[in-house]
Amino acid sequence: MNTATLEAARRNMVEYQIRCCKVLDSELLDMIESLPREEYLPESLRSLAYMEGHVPLPCNQEMLSPLQEASIMNTLQLTGSERVLEIGTGTGFLTTMLAMRTGEVVSCEIHDELAQLSKDNLESHGVSNARVVHVNAMDAGQLAGAGINGSFDVIVLSAALEEIPEHIKALLADSGQIVAFIGKNPVLSLVHMDYRGSACTKTALFETLLQNMEGLPEKREFIF
């Protein structure tokens, strides 16, 4: 696909996949329209960059849909100075958007191939305030061993979970936000949780589908 075709596809994605679903932040829409989504994909997949739905990725993964990415960015109350933890880097496209609107992004990716690809993508697009860590973030010991600690103002979990692990919640600042895909396929919601001290306002944005989070500990079943 030539440059003009890709630019037209990007405009159509913004108009017919994102804006029509009530994502109306003009600065966000301009940012999405300016980002060459295809450049975050392997060459063989670039023709799929602007399709509606999920684009397949290496390691049997999938890219978040344009609407899912835009909705995450739209619902977060960002001021530009936040410290963000992202779990599930993929190829680094959402990582880039988060980095453009916050102070620092730490992104965890369980697959080494994707971690390397996303690092290359961030570097080639001049993103200097985000780093990718190859780690299973669902393993509390691995996460601590990777030096990921302290408090984050925002946590974004980019795969489906029935519930958020306690060791992940413990990394959130007292007044922070979490965006996650909560439920059990095929009943899954994109949920925004806004914490203010001990109070939490939870908002389900819409029902959707997404692959399950990898690396979770196996649940033991007891048979009597």
Protein backbone atom coordinates (compact mmCIF):
# COMPACT_ATOMS: atom_id res chain seq x y z
CA MET A 1 0.00 0.00 0.00
CA ASN A 2 1.34 3.43 -0.91
CA THR A 3 1.54 6.41 1.43
CA ALA A 4 -1.61 8.11 0.14
CA THR A 5 -3.65 4.92 0.54
CA LEU A 6 -2.41 4.43 4.10
CA GLU A 7 -3.16 8.04 5.02
CA ALA A 8 -6.69 7.68 3.64
CA ALA A 9 -7.16 4.45 5.58
CA ARG A 10 -5.99 6.21 8.76
CA ARG A 11 -8.48 9.05 8.25
CA ASN A 12 -11.27 6.55 7.64
CA MET A 13 -10.29 4.64 10.79
CA VAL A 14 -10.60 7.83 12.86
CA GLU A 15 -13.94 8.80 11.30
CA TYR A 16 -15.70 5.43 11.06
CA GLN A 17 -14.18 3.35 13.87
CA ILE A 18 -13.41 5.93 16.56
CA ARG A 19 -15.20 9.30 16.24
CA CYS A 20 -18.55 7.66 15.49
CA CYS A 21 -18.26 5.79 18.83
CA LYS A 22 -18.25 9.07 20.79
CA VAL A 23 -14.52 9.49 21.18
CA LEU A 24 -14.57 13.22 20.49
CA ASP A 25 -11.39 14.64 22.06
CA SER A 26 -10.05 16.63 19.11
CA GLU A 27 -6.42 16.56 20.32
CA LEU A 28 -6.58 12.79 20.78
CA LEU A 29 -8.12 12.28 17.35
CA ASP A 30 -5.46 14.47 15.75
CA MET A 31 -2.75 12.48 17.53
CA ILE A 32 -4.16 9.15 16.32
CA GLU A 33 -4.49 10.46 12.77
CA SER A 34 -0.86 11.59 12.85
CA LEU A 35 0.54 8.24 14.01
CA PRO A 36 1.52 5.72 11.29
CA ARG A 37 -0.02 2.63 12.87
CA GLU A 38 1.32 0.43 10.06
CA GLU A 39 4.91 1.19 11.07
CA TYR A 40 4.34 -0.66 14.36
CA LEU A 41 3.60 -3.90 12.52
CA PRO A 42 5.86 -6.40 10.76
CA GLU A 43 6.04 -5.74 7.01
CA SER A 44 3.81 -8.72 6.20
CA LEU A 45 0.97 -7.35 8.36
CA ARG A 46 1.04 -3.67 7.45
CA SER A 47 -1.86 -3.92 5.00
CA LEU A 48 -4.07 -4.88 7.98
CA ALA A 49 -3.13 -1.89 10.13
CA TYR A 50 -6.41 0.00 9.74
CA MET A 51 -8.91 -2.82 9.67
CA GLU A 52 -11.73 -2.78 12.18
CA GLY A 53 -11.03 -5.24 14.99
CA HIS A 54 -7.84 -6.93 16.11
CA VAL A 55 -4.74 -7.28 13.97
CA PRO A 56 -2.77 -10.53 14.48
CA LEU A 57 0.73 -10.16 15.90
CA PRO A 58 3.70 -12.52 16.31
CA CYS A 59 3.64 -14.97 19.26
CA ASN A 60 -0.08 -15.66 18.64
CA GLN A 61 -0.96 -12.26 20.04
CA GLU A 62 -3.21 -9.50 18.72
CA MET A 63 -3.12 -5.74 18.58
CA LEU A 64 -5.83 -3.87 20.45
CA SER A 65 -8.49 -2.53 18.12
CA PRO A 66 -8.39 1.18 17.21
CA LEU A 67 -11.52 1.77 19.28
CA GLN A 68 -10.08 0.00 22.33
CA GLU A 69 -6.87 2.05 22.11
CA ALA A 70 -8.74 5.32 21.61
CA SER A 71 -11.20 4.56 24.42
CA ILE A 72 -8.38 3.87 26.87
CA MET A 73 -6.74 7.18 26.01
CA ASN A 74 -10.06 9.03 26.03
CA THR A 75 -11.17 7.84 29.46
CA LEU A 76 -7.87 8.41 31.29
CA GLN A 77 -7.72 11.79 33.01
CA LEU A 78 -4.16 12.66 32.01
CA THR A 79 -2.31 15.85 32.86
CA GLY A 80 1.01 15.08 31.15
CA SER A 81 3.09 14.27 34.22
CA GLU A 82 1.86 10.79 35.16
CA ARG A 83 3.98 7.70 35.74
CA VAL A 84 2.31 4.84 33.83
CA LEU A 85 2.61 1.06 34.08
CA GLU A 86 1.42 -0.78 30.97
CA ILE A 87 1.09 -4.57 30.99
CA GLY A 88 1.08 -6.08 27.53
CA THR A 89 3.25 -3.93 25.26
CA GLY A 90 2.52 -5.71 22.01
CA THR A 91 4.34 -3.73 19.33
CA GLY A 92 4.35 -0.49 21.30
CA PHE A 93 1.61 1.51 19.59
CA LEU A 94 -0.48 2.21 22.70
CA THR A 95 2.80 2.65 24.59
CA THR A 96 3.66 5.48 22.22
CA MET A 97 0.29 7.18 22.69
CA LEU A 98 0.63 6.93 26.46
CA ALA A 99 4.17 8.34 26.31
CA MET A 100 2.98 11.29 24.22
CA ARG A 101 0.50 12.29 26.94
CA THR A 102 2.31 11.40 30.18
CA GLY A 103 5.66 11.82 31.90
CA GLU A 104 6.97 8.24 31.97
CA VAL A 105 5.79 4.82 30.78
CA VAL A 106 7.10 1.45 31.98
CA SER A 107 5.72 -1.32 29.79
CA CYS A 108 5.87 -5.07 30.52
CA GLU A 109 5.87 -7.66 27.75
CA ILE A 110 5.95 -11.42 28.37
CA HIS A 111 7.19 -12.35 24.87
CA ASP A 112 10.82 -11.53 24.07
CA GLU A 113 10.14 -11.18 20.32
CA LEU A 114 7.46 -8.56 20.93
CA ALA A 115 9.55 -6.82 23.59
CA GLN A 116 12.39 -6.41 21.08
CA LEU A 117 10.01 -5.29 18.31
CA SER A 118 8.37 -2.70 20.54
CA LYS A 119 11.74 -1.38 21.72
CA ASP A 120 12.78 -0.92 18.08
CA ASN A 121 9.47 0.82 17.30
CA LEU A 122 9.76 3.22 20.22
CA GLU A 123 13.33 4.09 19.29
CA SER A 124 12.56 4.58 15.60
CA HIS A 125 9.70 6.95 16.47
CA GLY A 126 11.74 9.01 18.90
CA VAL A 127 9.95 7.93 22.08
CA SER A 128 12.40 8.62 24.90
CA ASN A 129 10.15 8.54 27.98
CA ALA A 130 9.04 4.90 27.72
CA ARG A 131 10.93 1.69 28.41
CA VAL A 132 9.96 -1.90 27.72
CA VAL A 133 10.77 -4.71 30.15
CA HIS A 134 10.67 -8.37 29.11
CA VAL A 135 8.94 -9.88 32.13
CA ASN A 136 5.87 -11.85 33.17
CA ALA A 137 4.06 -9.12 35.10
CA MET A 138 1.53 -11.62 36.43
CA ASP A 139 4.33 -13.18 38.48
CA ALA A 140 4.92 -10.97 41.52
CA GLY A 141 8.44 -12.31 42.04
CA GLN A 142 9.48 -11.68 38.43
CA LEU A 143 8.04 -8.18 38.50
CA ALA A 144 9.89 -7.28 41.68
CA GLY A 145 13.07 -8.88 40.32
CA ALA A 146 12.84 -6.66 37.24
CA GLY A 147 12.99 -3.63 39.51
CA ILE A 148 9.43 -2.50 38.81
CA ASN A 149 8.27 -0.98 42.04
CA GLY A 150 7.15 2.26 43.59
CA SER A 151 3.82 3.82 42.77
CA PHE A 152 2.22 4.48 39.39
CA ASP A 153 -0.43 7.08 38.70
CA VAL A 154 -1.92 4.96 35.90
CA ILE A 155 -1.97 1.21 35.24
CA VAL A 156 -3.19 -0.16 31.90
CA LEU A 157 -3.72 -3.91 31.48
CA SER A 158 -4.00 -4.83 27.80
CA ALA A 159 -5.39 -8.36 28.05
CA ALA A 160 -8.45 -9.98 29.65
CA LEU A 161 -8.54 -10.72 33.38
CA GLU A 162 -11.25 -12.02 35.67
CA GLU A 163 -9.75 -9.88 38.42
CA ILE A 164 -6.69 -7.69 38.88
CA PRO A 165 -3.91 -9.38 40.89
CA GLU A 166 -3.21 -7.84 44.27
CA HIS A 167 0.48 -7.29 43.51
CA ILE A 168 -0.55 -5.13 40.56
CA LYS A 169 -3.01 -3.10 42.62
CA ALA A 170 -0.26 -2.55 45.19
CA LEU A 171 1.73 -0.61 42.58
CA LEU A 172 -0.99 2.03 42.16
CA ALA A 173 -0.62 5.42 43.83
CA ASP A 174 -3.18 6.41 46.47
CA SER A 175 -4.99 8.54 43.92
CA GLY A 176 -4.57 6.70 40.65
CA GLN A 177 -6.36 5.11 37.71
CA ILE A 178 -6.56 1.59 36.32
CA VAL A 179 -7.92 0.61 32.92
CA ALA A 180 -8.45 -3.10 32.37
CA PHE A 181 -10.44 -5.64 30.40
CA ILE A 182 -12.42 -7.42 33.11
CA GLY A 183 -14.56 -10.53 32.86
CA LYS A 184 -14.47 -13.96 31.31
CA ASN A 185 -14.69 -14.38 27.57
CA PRO A 186 -17.04 -13.90 25.84
CA VAL A 187 -18.47 -11.56 28.51
CA LEU A 188 -15.79 -8.92 28.89
CA SER A 189 -15.88 -5.17 29.63
CA LEU A 190 -13.36 -2.40 29.28
CA VAL A 191 -13.41 -0.89 32.77
CA HIS A 192 -12.00 2.35 34.18
CA MET A 193 -11.28 2.50 37.91
CA ASP A 194 -10.57 5.89 39.44
CA TYR A 195 -9.16 5.71 42.97
CA ARG A 196 -9.25 8.63 45.38
CA GLY A 197 -7.81 7.36 48.64
CA SER A 198 -10.01 4.48 49.80
CA ALA A 199 -12.83 5.39 47.40
CA CYS A 200 -13.04 3.92 43.90
CA THR A 201 -15.32 4.97 41.06
CA LYS A 202 -15.70 2.13 38.60
CA THR A 203 -17.06 2.71 35.09
CA ALA A 204 -17.69 -0.01 32.50
CA LEU A 205 -17.12 1.64 29.12
CA PHE A 206 -18.39 -1.09 26.78
CA GLU A 207 -18.44 -4.84 26.24
CA THR A 208 -15.74 -6.23 24.01
CA LEU A 209 -13.53 -9.23 23.24
CA LEU A 210 -9.82 -9.72 23.81
CA GLN A 211 -7.33 -12.50 24.41
CA ASN A 212 -6.81 -13.66 27.97
CA MET A 213 -3.83 -12.44 29.96
CA GLU A 214 -0.90 -14.85 29.79
CA GLY A 215 1.36 -15.85 32.66
CA LEU A 216 -1.26 -16.09 35.39
CA PRO A 217 -0.56 -18.71 38.07
CA GLU A 218 -2.58 -21.87 37.65
CA LYS A 219 -5.50 -22.19 40.01
CA ARG A 220 -5.33 -25.31 42.13
CA GLU A 221 -8.45 -27.39 42.29
CA PHE A 222 -9.07 -29.59 45.29
CA ILE A 223 -11.03 -32.78 44.80
CA PHE A 224 -12.58 -34.35 47.89
